[in-house]
Amino acid sequence: MTIVHVVLFEFKPNTTHKQVHDVCNRMLGLGQKCVHPDTQKKYIKSARGGRDNSPEGHQGGFSHGFVFEFENEDDRKYYLEKDPAHLDFVKDVGTFVQNVRVIDFTTGIL
């Protein structure tokens, strides 16, 4: 079953628009950049995201959200624990992001 991986970013106040744009492009680029070493194929089923535009006012400082989909738990585990592209991104993003929220779920499992 598909695993949905939701990530929210709250950027540091001194982060420039250009830096925010770069971080977001790099995040979305992981969908193309992440290749599994065993299959030599991209393993992220979909990667999308963007700037918040909700009129509800419940963002709590989070301005950008991303939704990735993985085919299975093994792919998600590789992404989180071993993929060098993702691990490098995580290491670098702390320069600009002050708060991150992540929630994963499998559609239909309550």
C-alpha atoms as a PDB file:
ATOM      1  CA  MET A   1       0.000   0.000   0.000  1.00  0.00           C
ATOM      2  CA  THR A   2       1.128   3.506  -0.790  1.00  0.00           C
ATOM      3  CA  ILE A   3       2.653   5.505   2.061  1.00  0.00           C
ATOM      4  CA  VAL A   4       1.981   9.243   1.994  1.00  0.00           C
ATOM      5  CA  HIS A   5       4.758  11.384   3.511  1.00  0.00           C
ATOM      6  CA  VAL A   6       3.719  14.958   4.433  1.00  0.00           C
ATOM      7  CA  VAL A   7       6.383  17.547   5.359  1.00  0.00           C
ATOM      8  CA  LEU A   8       5.782  21.128   6.533  1.00  0.00           C
ATOM      9  CA  PHE A   9       8.476  23.819   6.742  1.00  0.00           C
ATOM     10  CA  GLU A  10       8.626  26.935   8.878  1.00  0.00           C
ATOM     11  CA  PHE A  11      11.516  29.032   7.624  1.00  0.00           C
ATOM     12  CA  LYS A  12      13.756  31.138   9.839  1.00  0.00           C
ATOM     13  CA  PRO A  13      12.764  34.833   9.778  1.00  0.00           C
ATOM     14  CA  ASN A  14      16.045  35.908   8.148  1.00  0.00           C
ATOM     15  CA  THR A  15      15.700  33.455   5.242  1.00  0.00           C
ATOM     16  CA  THR A  16      15.488  35.303   1.922  1.00  0.00           C
ATOM     17  CA  HIS A  17      12.896  34.623  -0.761  1.00  0.00           C
ATOM     18  CA  LYS A  18      15.666  33.258  -2.989  1.00  0.00           C
ATOM     19  CA  GLN A  19      16.790  30.840  -0.262  1.00  0.00           C
ATOM     20  CA  VAL A  20      13.206  29.671   0.351  1.00  0.00           C
ATOM     21  CA  HIS A  21      12.792  29.115  -3.383  1.00  0.00           C
ATOM     22  CA  ASP A  22      16.041  27.137  -3.528  1.00  0.00           C
ATOM     23  CA  VAL A  23      15.120  24.913  -0.561  1.00  0.00           C
ATOM     24  CA  CYS A  24      11.691  24.198  -2.044  1.00  0.00           C
ATOM     25  CA  ASN A  25      13.121  23.373  -5.461  1.00  0.00           C
ATOM     26  CA  ARG A  26      15.679  21.066  -3.869  1.00  0.00           C
ATOM     27  CA  MET A  27      12.954  19.359  -1.839  1.00  0.00           C
ATOM     28  CA  LEU A  28      10.800  18.779  -4.909  1.00  0.00           C
ATOM     29  CA  GLY A  29      13.880  17.708  -6.870  1.00  0.00           C
ATOM     30  CA  LEU A  30      14.314  14.730  -4.563  1.00  0.00           C
ATOM     31  CA  GLY A  31      11.504  13.066  -6.489  1.00  0.00           C
ATOM     32  CA  GLN A  32      13.813  12.850  -9.495  1.00  0.00           C
ATOM     33  CA  LYS A  33      17.133  12.632  -7.714  1.00  0.00           C
ATOM     34  CA  CYS A  34      16.413   9.720  -5.364  1.00  0.00           C
ATOM     35  CA  VAL A  35      17.369   6.456  -7.060  1.00  0.00           C
ATOM     36  CA  HIS A  36      17.341   3.091  -5.321  1.00  0.00           C
ATOM     37  CA  PRO A  37      20.772   1.393  -5.499  1.00  0.00           C
ATOM     38  CA  ASP A  38      19.325  -2.083  -6.099  1.00  0.00           C
ATOM     39  CA  THR A  39      16.969  -1.211  -8.968  1.00  0.00           C
ATOM     40  CA  GLN A  40      18.700   1.959 -10.245  1.00  0.00           C
ATOM     41  CA  LYS A  41      15.199   3.423 -10.599  1.00  0.00           C
ATOM     42  CA  LYS A  42      13.458   6.388  -9.033  1.00  0.00           C
ATOM     43  CA  TYR A  43      11.393   5.097  -6.139  1.00  0.00           C
ATOM     44  CA  ILE A  44       9.371   8.134  -5.079  1.00  0.00           C
ATOM     45  CA  LYS A  45       5.993   7.666  -6.769  1.00  0.00           C
ATOM     46  CA  SER A  46       5.119  11.358  -6.648  1.00  0.00           C
ATOM     47  CA  ALA A  47       6.507  14.554  -5.168  1.00  0.00           C
ATOM     48  CA  ARG A  48       4.519  17.755  -5.000  1.00  0.00           C
ATOM     49  CA  GLY A  49       4.318  20.799  -2.818  1.00  0.00           C
ATOM     50  CA  GLY A  50       4.215  24.535  -2.573  1.00  0.00           C
ATOM     51  CA  ARG A  51       3.509  27.665  -0.580  1.00  0.00           C
ATOM     52  CA  ASP A  52       0.556  27.739   1.793  1.00  0.00           C
ATOM     53  CA  ASN A  53      -2.523  29.585   0.572  1.00  0.00           C
ATOM     54  CA  SER A  54      -5.106  28.481   3.139  1.00  0.00           C
ATOM     55  CA  PRO A  55      -7.472  31.231   4.320  1.00  0.00           C
ATOM     56  CA  GLU A  56      -8.199  29.364   7.588  1.00  0.00           C
ATOM     57  CA  GLY A  57      -5.312  30.808   9.599  1.00  0.00           C
ATOM     58  CA  HIS A  58      -4.167  27.557  11.240  1.00  0.00           C
ATOM     59  CA  GLN A  59      -0.682  27.428   9.706  1.00  0.00           C
ATOM     60  CA  GLY A  60       1.135  28.088  12.966  1.00  0.00           C
ATOM     61  CA  GLY A  61       4.130  29.579  11.158  1.00  0.00           C
ATOM     62  CA  PHE A  62       4.428  26.840   8.542  1.00  0.00           C
ATOM     63  CA  SER A  63       4.549  28.370   5.086  1.00  0.00           C
ATOM     64  CA  HIS A  64       5.353  25.461   2.744  1.00  0.00           C
ATOM     65  CA  GLY A  65       4.092  21.905   2.495  1.00  0.00           C
ATOM     66  CA  PHE A  66       5.171  18.839   0.530  1.00  0.00           C
ATOM     67  CA  VAL A  67       3.552  15.480  -0.154  1.00  0.00           C
ATOM     68  CA  PHE A  68       5.613  12.514  -1.308  1.00  0.00           C
ATOM     69  CA  GLU A  69       4.309   9.029  -2.010  1.00  0.00           C
ATOM     70  CA  PHE A  70       6.210   5.781  -1.585  1.00  0.00           C
ATOM     71  CA  GLU A  71       5.133   2.406  -2.941  1.00  0.00           C
ATOM     72  CA  ASN A  72       5.992   0.584   0.280  1.00  0.00           C
ATOM     73  CA  GLU A  73       7.629   0.797   3.681  1.00  0.00           C
ATOM     74  CA  ASP A  74      11.006  -0.435   2.393  1.00  0.00           C
ATOM     75  CA  ASP A  75      11.240   2.496  -0.029  1.00  0.00           C
ATOM     76  CA  ARG A  76      10.310   4.979   2.700  1.00  0.00           C
ATOM     77  CA  LYS A  77      12.857   3.412   5.061  1.00  0.00           C
ATOM     78  CA  TYR A  78      15.603   3.686   2.448  1.00  0.00           C
ATOM     79  CA  TYR A  79      14.668   7.328   1.805  1.00  0.00           C
ATOM     80  CA  LEU A  80      14.717   8.248   5.492  1.00  0.00           C
ATOM     81  CA  GLU A  81      17.778   6.282   6.578  1.00  0.00           C
ATOM     82  CA  LYS A  82      20.115   5.708   3.642  1.00  0.00           C
ATOM     83  CA  ASP A  83      19.457   7.752   0.525  1.00  0.00           C
ATOM     84  CA  PRO A  84      22.448  10.103   0.196  1.00  0.00           C
ATOM     85  CA  ALA A  85      20.447  12.718  -1.731  1.00  0.00           C
ATOM     86  CA  HIS A  86      17.845  12.948   1.035  1.00  0.00           C
ATOM     87  CA  LEU A  87      20.370  12.816   3.867  1.00  0.00           C
ATOM     88  CA  ASP A  88      22.433  15.633   2.292  1.00  0.00           C
ATOM     89  CA  PHE A  89      19.292  17.713   1.875  1.00  0.00           C
ATOM     90  CA  VAL A  90      18.284  17.189   5.518  1.00  0.00           C
ATOM     91  CA  LYS A  91      21.759  18.172   6.686  1.00  0.00           C
ATOM     92  CA  ASP A  92      21.724  21.408   4.660  1.00  0.00           C
ATOM     93  CA  VAL A  93      18.114  22.510   5.172  1.00  0.00           C
ATOM     94  CA  GLY A  94      18.638  23.246   8.878  1.00  0.00           C
ATOM     95  CA  THR A  95      20.420  26.428   7.865  1.00  0.00           C
ATOM     96  CA  PHE A  96      17.122  27.885   6.646  1.00  0.00           C
ATOM     97  CA  VAL A  97      14.309  25.953   8.338  1.00  0.00           C
ATOM     98  CA  GLN A  98      13.544  26.527  12.026  1.00  0.00           C
ATOM     99  CA  ASN A  99      10.705  24.046  12.380  1.00  0.00           C
ATOM    100  CA  VAL A 100       9.603  20.913  10.530  1.00  0.00           C
ATOM    101  CA  ARG A 101       6.554  18.721  10.943  1.00  0.00           C
ATOM    102  CA  VAL A 102       6.283  15.298   9.330  1.00  0.00           C
ATOM    103  CA  ILE A 103       3.352  12.931   9.257  1.00  0.00           C
ATOM    104  CA  ASP A 104       3.097   9.717   7.274  1.00  0.00           C
ATOM    105  CA  PHE A 105      -0.013   7.662   6.641  1.00  0.00           C
ATOM    106  CA  THR A 106      -1.366   4.855   4.543  1.00  0.00           C
ATOM    107  CA  THR A 107      -4.614   5.835   2.854  1.00  0.00           C
ATOM    108  CA  GLY A 108      -7.602   4.126   4.414  1.00  0.00           C
ATOM    109  CA  ILE A 109      -5.852   2.850   7.540  1.00  0.00           C
ATOM    110  CA  LEU A 110      -7.415   4.592  10.503  1.00  0.00           C
END
